[in-house]
């Protein structure tokens, strides 16, 4: 009987611990606006301090000049500071741009020339 109760307590503790982790791991969402005159073709992000860029957030999409897109970063992390990399269409006069922001504190971000 004692081992069944100990086992039950261990299972309950594991469920509570898993629930606490999932509460803190929220998706980061914000509106990204292209304030340039060029098509934004790729948008990468990664937590500050991570040495490699993660997947292109846009996938097959692009962000035309003046357009706004809802961005969700659902990486399961509990960090707020992210590095961002913006790449523009070939032939554009804009170079690749990088920036770092606290994405938890912002509701929108505009990339400008």
N, C-alpha and C. Protein backbone atom coordinates (compact mmCIF):
# COMPACT_ATOMS: atom_id res chain seq x y z
N UNK A 1 0.82 -1.19 0.00
CA UNK A 1 0.00 0.00 0.00
C UNK A 1 0.87 1.26 0.00
N UNK A 2 1.93 1.22 0.83
CA UNK A 2 2.81 2.38 0.94
C UNK A 2 3.46 2.69 -0.40
N UNK A 3 3.87 1.69 -1.17
CA UNK A 3 4.52 1.94 -2.46
C UNK A 3 3.53 2.48 -3.47
N UNK A 4 2.25 2.09 -3.41
CA UNK A 4 1.24 2.64 -4.30
C UNK A 4 1.04 4.13 -4.03
N UNK A 5 1.01 4.51 -2.77
CA UNK A 5 0.84 5.92 -2.41
C UNK A 5 2.06 6.72 -2.84
N UNK A 6 3.25 6.20 -2.65
CA UNK A 6 4.47 6.87 -3.07
C UNK A 6 4.48 7.06 -4.58
N UNK A 7 4.05 6.01 -5.31
CA UNK A 7 3.99 6.09 -6.76
C UNK A 7 2.99 7.13 -7.22
N UNK A 8 1.84 7.20 -6.55
CA UNK A 8 0.81 8.18 -6.88
C UNK A 8 1.31 9.59 -6.62
N UNK A 9 2.00 9.78 -5.51
CA UNK A 9 2.55 11.10 -5.19
C UNK A 9 3.58 11.51 -6.25
N UNK A 10 4.41 10.58 -6.71
CA UNK A 10 5.40 10.89 -7.74
C UNK A 10 4.73 11.29 -9.04
N UNK A 11 3.65 10.60 -9.42
CA UNK A 11 2.94 10.94 -10.65
C UNK A 11 2.31 12.32 -10.55
N UNK A 12 1.66 12.61 -9.41
CA UNK A 12 1.03 13.92 -9.21
C UNK A 12 2.09 15.02 -9.25
N UNK A 13 3.23 14.79 -8.63
CA UNK A 13 4.31 15.79 -8.64
C UNK A 13 4.81 16.03 -10.06
N UNK A 14 4.93 14.96 -10.86
CA UNK A 14 5.39 15.11 -12.24
C UNK A 14 4.39 15.90 -13.07
N UNK A 15 3.10 15.65 -12.88
CA UNK A 15 2.06 16.38 -13.63
C UNK A 15 2.09 17.86 -13.25
N UNK A 16 2.23 18.16 -11.97
CA UNK A 16 2.28 19.56 -11.52
C UNK A 16 3.52 20.25 -12.10
N UNK A 17 4.65 19.57 -12.08
CA UNK A 17 5.88 20.16 -12.63
C UNK A 17 5.73 20.43 -14.12
N UNK A 18 5.15 19.50 -14.86
CA UNK A 18 4.96 19.69 -16.30
C UNK A 18 4.00 20.84 -16.57
N UNK A 19 2.97 20.98 -15.77
CA UNK A 19 2.01 22.07 -15.94
C UNK A 19 2.68 23.41 -15.68
N UNK A 20 3.53 23.48 -14.69
CA UNK A 20 4.20 24.74 -14.37
C UNK A 20 5.11 25.17 -15.50
N UNK A 21 5.79 24.22 -16.16
CA UNK A 21 6.67 24.56 -17.28
C UNK A 21 5.86 25.08 -18.45
N UNK A 22 4.74 24.44 -18.77
CA UNK A 22 3.96 24.86 -19.92
C UNK A 22 3.30 26.21 -19.71
N UNK A 23 3.03 26.59 -18.49
CA UNK A 23 2.44 27.90 -18.22
C UNK A 23 3.43 29.00 -18.57
N UNK A 24 4.70 28.78 -18.30
CA UNK A 24 5.72 29.80 -18.55
C UNK A 24 6.15 29.86 -20.02
N UNK A 25 5.98 28.80 -20.77
CA UNK A 25 6.41 28.76 -22.17
C UNK A 25 5.27 29.24 -23.06
N UNK A 26 5.19 30.54 -23.25
CA UNK A 26 4.12 31.12 -24.06
C UNK A 26 4.66 31.52 -25.42
N UNK A 27 3.78 31.51 -26.42
CA UNK A 27 4.14 31.98 -27.75
C UNK A 27 4.34 33.49 -27.70
N UNK A 28 5.32 33.96 -28.45
CA UNK A 28 5.54 35.41 -28.59
C UNK A 28 4.83 35.87 -29.85
N UNK A 29 3.99 36.87 -29.74
CA UNK A 29 3.27 37.38 -30.90
C UNK A 29 3.43 38.89 -30.99
N UNK A 30 3.55 39.37 -32.22
CA UNK A 30 3.63 40.80 -32.49
C UNK A 30 3.31 41.05 -33.95
N UNK A 31 3.07 42.30 -34.30
CA UNK A 31 2.80 42.68 -35.69
C UNK A 31 4.09 43.22 -36.29
N UNK A 32 4.47 42.68 -37.44
CA UNK A 32 5.66 43.14 -38.17
C UNK A 32 5.19 43.93 -39.39
N UNK A 33 5.68 45.17 -39.51
CA UNK A 33 5.33 46.03 -40.64
C UNK A 33 6.57 46.28 -41.47
N UNK A 34 6.42 46.17 -42.78
CA UNK A 34 7.51 46.48 -43.71
C UNK A 34 7.38 47.95 -44.09
N UNK A 35 8.18 48.79 -43.47
CA UNK A 35 8.18 50.22 -43.75
C UNK A 35 9.20 50.62 -44.79
N UNK A 36 9.66 49.66 -45.58
CA UNK A 36 10.64 49.94 -46.63
C UNK A 36 9.94 49.98 -47.98
N UNK A 37 10.72 50.25 -49.02
CA UNK A 37 10.19 50.22 -50.39
C UNK A 37 10.54 48.93 -51.11
N UNK A 38 11.00 47.92 -50.37
CA UNK A 38 11.41 46.64 -50.96
C UNK A 38 10.63 45.50 -50.32
N UNK A 39 10.53 44.40 -51.06
CA UNK A 39 9.84 43.21 -50.55
C UNK A 39 10.75 42.52 -49.54
N UNK A 40 10.20 42.25 -48.37
CA UNK A 40 10.91 41.52 -47.33
C UNK A 40 10.65 40.04 -47.58
N UNK A 41 11.70 39.29 -47.92
CA UNK A 41 11.52 37.90 -48.35
C UNK A 41 11.76 36.88 -47.25
N UNK A 42 12.60 37.20 -46.29
CA UNK A 42 12.92 36.25 -45.22
C UNK A 42 13.04 36.98 -43.88
N UNK A 43 12.55 36.31 -42.84
CA UNK A 43 12.65 36.83 -41.48
C UNK A 43 13.07 35.69 -40.57
N UNK A 44 14.24 35.83 -39.96
CA UNK A 44 14.76 34.83 -39.05
C UNK A 44 14.80 35.41 -37.65
N UNK A 45 14.64 34.55 -36.66
CA UNK A 45 14.80 34.99 -35.28
C UNK A 45 15.46 33.86 -34.50
N UNK A 46 16.12 34.24 -33.44
CA UNK A 46 16.67 33.27 -32.50
C UNK A 46 16.91 34.00 -31.19
N UNK A 47 16.81 33.30 -30.08
CA UNK A 47 17.06 33.95 -28.80
C UNK A 47 18.46 34.56 -28.77
N UNK A 48 18.59 35.73 -28.17
CA UNK A 48 19.89 36.37 -28.05
C UNK A 48 20.86 35.41 -27.37
N UNK A 49 22.04 35.28 -27.94
CA UNK A 49 23.05 34.38 -27.40
C UNK A 49 23.13 33.04 -28.11
N UNK A 50 22.12 32.72 -28.93
CA UNK A 50 22.16 31.49 -29.73
C UNK A 50 22.95 31.80 -30.99
N UNK A 51 23.90 30.94 -31.35
CA UNK A 51 24.83 31.24 -32.43
C UNK A 51 24.29 31.05 -33.84
N UNK A 52 23.18 30.35 -34.01
CA UNK A 52 22.65 30.09 -35.35
C UNK A 52 21.23 30.60 -35.47
N UNK A 53 20.88 31.03 -36.69
CA UNK A 53 19.51 31.46 -36.96
C UNK A 53 18.61 30.24 -37.04
N UNK A 54 17.38 30.39 -36.55
CA UNK A 54 16.40 29.32 -36.66
C UNK A 54 15.70 29.45 -38.01
N UNK A 55 14.69 28.64 -38.25
CA UNK A 55 14.02 28.61 -39.55
C UNK A 55 13.42 29.96 -39.93
N UNK A 56 13.28 30.18 -41.24
CA UNK A 56 12.64 31.38 -41.76
C UNK A 56 11.19 31.40 -41.28
N UNK A 57 10.83 32.46 -40.54
CA UNK A 57 9.48 32.58 -39.98
C UNK A 57 8.43 32.70 -41.09
N UNK A 58 8.79 33.33 -42.21
CA UNK A 58 7.84 33.55 -43.30
C UNK A 58 7.47 32.27 -44.05
N UNK A 59 8.39 31.32 -44.12
CA UNK A 59 8.15 30.14 -44.95
C UNK A 59 8.05 30.55 -46.41
N UNK A 60 6.92 30.30 -47.04
CA UNK A 60 6.72 30.65 -48.45
C UNK A 60 6.21 32.09 -48.63
N UNK A 61 5.86 32.77 -47.56
CA UNK A 61 5.29 34.12 -47.64
C UNK A 61 6.37 35.18 -47.78
N UNK A 62 5.97 36.36 -48.21
CA UNK A 62 6.81 37.55 -48.24
C UNK A 62 5.99 38.69 -47.64
N UNK A 63 6.67 39.79 -47.32
CA UNK A 63 5.98 40.96 -46.79
C UNK A 63 6.27 42.13 -47.71
N UNK A 64 5.26 42.54 -48.47
CA UNK A 64 5.41 43.64 -49.42
C UNK A 64 5.54 44.98 -48.70
N UNK A 65 6.08 45.99 -49.38
CA UNK A 65 6.20 47.32 -48.77
C UNK A 65 4.85 47.82 -48.24
N UNK A 66 4.87 48.33 -47.02
CA UNK A 66 3.67 48.88 -46.40
C UNK A 66 2.75 47.86 -45.76
N UNK A 67 2.99 46.57 -45.97
CA UNK A 67 2.12 45.53 -45.40
C UNK A 67 2.53 45.18 -43.97
N UNK A 68 1.55 44.64 -43.25
CA UNK A 68 1.76 44.18 -41.87
C UNK A 68 1.37 42.72 -41.78
N UNK A 69 2.12 41.96 -41.00
CA UNK A 69 1.85 40.53 -40.82
C UNK A 69 1.91 40.21 -39.33
N UNK A 70 0.99 39.37 -38.86
CA UNK A 70 1.06 38.87 -37.49
C UNK A 70 2.14 37.79 -37.43
N UNK A 71 3.06 37.94 -36.49
CA UNK A 71 4.16 37.00 -36.32
C UNK A 71 3.98 36.26 -35.00
N UNK A 72 4.14 34.96 -35.04
CA UNK A 72 4.12 34.15 -33.82
C UNK A 72 5.40 33.33 -33.78
N UNK A 73 6.12 33.46 -32.68
CA UNK A 73 7.30 32.64 -32.45
C UNK A 73 6.91 31.65 -31.37
N UNK A 74 6.69 30.42 -31.79
CA UNK A 74 6.22 29.37 -30.88
C UNK A 74 7.32 28.34 -30.70
N UNK A 75 8.41 28.77 -30.07
CA UNK A 75 9.55 27.87 -29.91
C UNK A 75 9.60 27.19 -28.54
N UNK A 76 8.62 27.48 -27.68
CA UNK A 76 8.57 26.84 -26.38
C UNK A 76 9.55 27.37 -25.37
N UNK A 77 10.28 28.41 -25.74
CA UNK A 77 11.26 28.97 -24.80
C UNK A 77 10.59 29.99 -23.88
N UNK A 78 11.27 30.31 -22.79
CA UNK A 78 10.74 31.28 -21.84
C UNK A 78 11.55 32.57 -21.86
N UNK A 79 12.28 32.82 -22.94
CA UNK A 79 13.09 34.03 -23.05
C UNK A 79 12.31 35.10 -23.83
N UNK A 80 12.73 36.35 -23.67
CA UNK A 80 12.06 37.45 -24.35
C UNK A 80 12.97 38.16 -25.36
N UNK A 81 14.27 38.17 -25.10
CA UNK A 81 15.19 38.88 -25.98
C UNK A 81 15.56 38.00 -27.17
N UNK A 82 15.24 38.51 -28.37
CA UNK A 82 15.50 37.78 -29.60
C UNK A 82 16.31 38.64 -30.57
N UNK A 83 17.20 37.97 -31.30
CA UNK A 83 17.88 38.60 -32.42
C UNK A 83 17.00 38.35 -33.65
N UNK A 84 16.94 39.33 -34.53
CA UNK A 84 16.13 39.20 -35.74
C UNK A 84 16.99 39.53 -36.96
N UNK A 85 16.72 38.84 -38.05
CA UNK A 85 17.45 39.06 -39.31
C UNK A 85 16.42 39.20 -40.42
N UNK A 86 16.52 40.29 -41.18
CA UNK A 86 15.59 40.60 -42.26
C UNK A 86 16.35 40.58 -43.58
N UNK A 87 15.84 39.83 -44.56
CA UNK A 87 16.45 39.76 -45.88
C UNK A 87 15.44 40.24 -46.92
N UNK A 88 15.94 41.02 -47.88
CA UNK A 88 15.09 41.62 -48.90
C UNK A 88 15.29 40.95 -50.25
N UNK A 89 14.35 41.21 -51.18
CA UNK A 89 14.38 40.59 -52.49
C UNK A 89 15.69 40.90 -53.22
N UNK A 90 16.08 39.98 -54.10
CA UNK A 90 17.27 40.19 -54.90
C UNK A 90 17.09 41.44 -55.74
N UNK A 91 18.15 42.19 -55.92
CA UNK A 91 18.09 43.43 -56.69
C UNK A 91 17.66 44.63 -55.87
N UNK A 92 17.28 44.40 -54.63
CA UNK A 92 16.90 45.50 -53.75
C UNK A 92 18.15 46.29 -53.37
N UNK A 93 17.96 47.56 -53.11
CA UNK A 93 19.10 48.38 -52.68
C UNK A 93 19.31 48.29 -51.16
N UNK A 94 18.52 47.43 -50.49
CA UNK A 94 18.64 47.28 -49.04
C UNK A 94 19.48 46.07 -48.69
N UNK A 95 20.37 46.27 -47.74
CA UNK A 95 21.21 45.17 -47.26
C UNK A 95 20.44 44.38 -46.21
N UNK A 96 20.91 43.17 -45.94
CA UNK A 96 20.35 42.38 -44.85
C UNK A 96 20.50 43.19 -43.56
N UNK A 97 19.44 43.21 -42.77
CA UNK A 97 19.40 44.01 -41.55
C UNK A 97 19.22 43.09 -40.35
N UNK A 98 19.93 43.39 -39.27
CA UNK A 98 19.78 42.62 -38.03
C UNK A 98 19.48 43.56 -36.88
N UNK A 99 18.72 43.08 -35.90
CA UNK A 99 18.34 43.88 -34.74
C UNK A 99 18.07 42.93 -33.58
N UNK A 100 18.09 43.44 -32.37
CA UNK A 100 17.73 42.68 -31.17
C UNK A 100 16.65 43.44 -30.42
N UNK A 101 15.64 42.72 -29.94
CA UNK A 101 14.54 43.34 -29.23
C UNK A 101 14.02 42.42 -28.14
N UNK A 102 13.35 43.02 -27.14
CA UNK A 102 12.60 42.27 -26.14
C UNK A 102 11.21 42.07 -26.73
N UNK A 103 10.96 40.92 -27.29
CA UNK A 103 9.70 40.66 -27.99
C UNK A 103 8.51 40.51 -27.05
N UNK A 104 8.75 40.25 -25.77
CA UNK A 104 7.65 40.17 -24.81
C UNK A 104 7.06 41.55 -24.55
N UNK A 105 7.87 42.59 -24.67
CA UNK A 105 7.45 43.94 -24.33
C UNK A 105 6.84 44.70 -25.50
N UNK A 106 6.97 44.17 -26.70
CA UNK A 106 6.50 44.93 -27.86
C UNK A 106 5.28 44.30 -28.50
N UNK A 107 4.40 45.14 -28.99
CA UNK A 107 3.22 44.65 -29.68
C UNK A 107 3.38 44.76 -31.19
N UNK A 108 4.37 45.57 -31.62
CA UNK A 108 4.60 45.73 -33.05
C UNK A 108 6.05 46.14 -33.29
N UNK A 109 6.49 45.86 -34.51
CA UNK A 109 7.85 46.23 -34.93
C UNK A 109 7.79 46.64 -36.40
N UNK A 110 8.40 47.76 -36.73
CA UNK A 110 8.45 48.23 -38.11
C UNK A 110 9.90 48.25 -38.56
N UNK A 111 10.17 47.56 -39.67
CA UNK A 111 11.49 47.60 -40.28
C UNK A 111 11.49 48.77 -41.26
N UNK A 112 12.47 49.67 -41.11
CA UNK A 112 12.59 50.85 -41.96
C UNK A 112 13.90 50.83 -42.70
N UNK A 113 13.96 51.66 -43.76
CA UNK A 113 15.21 51.77 -44.52
C UNK A 113 16.22 52.57 -43.75
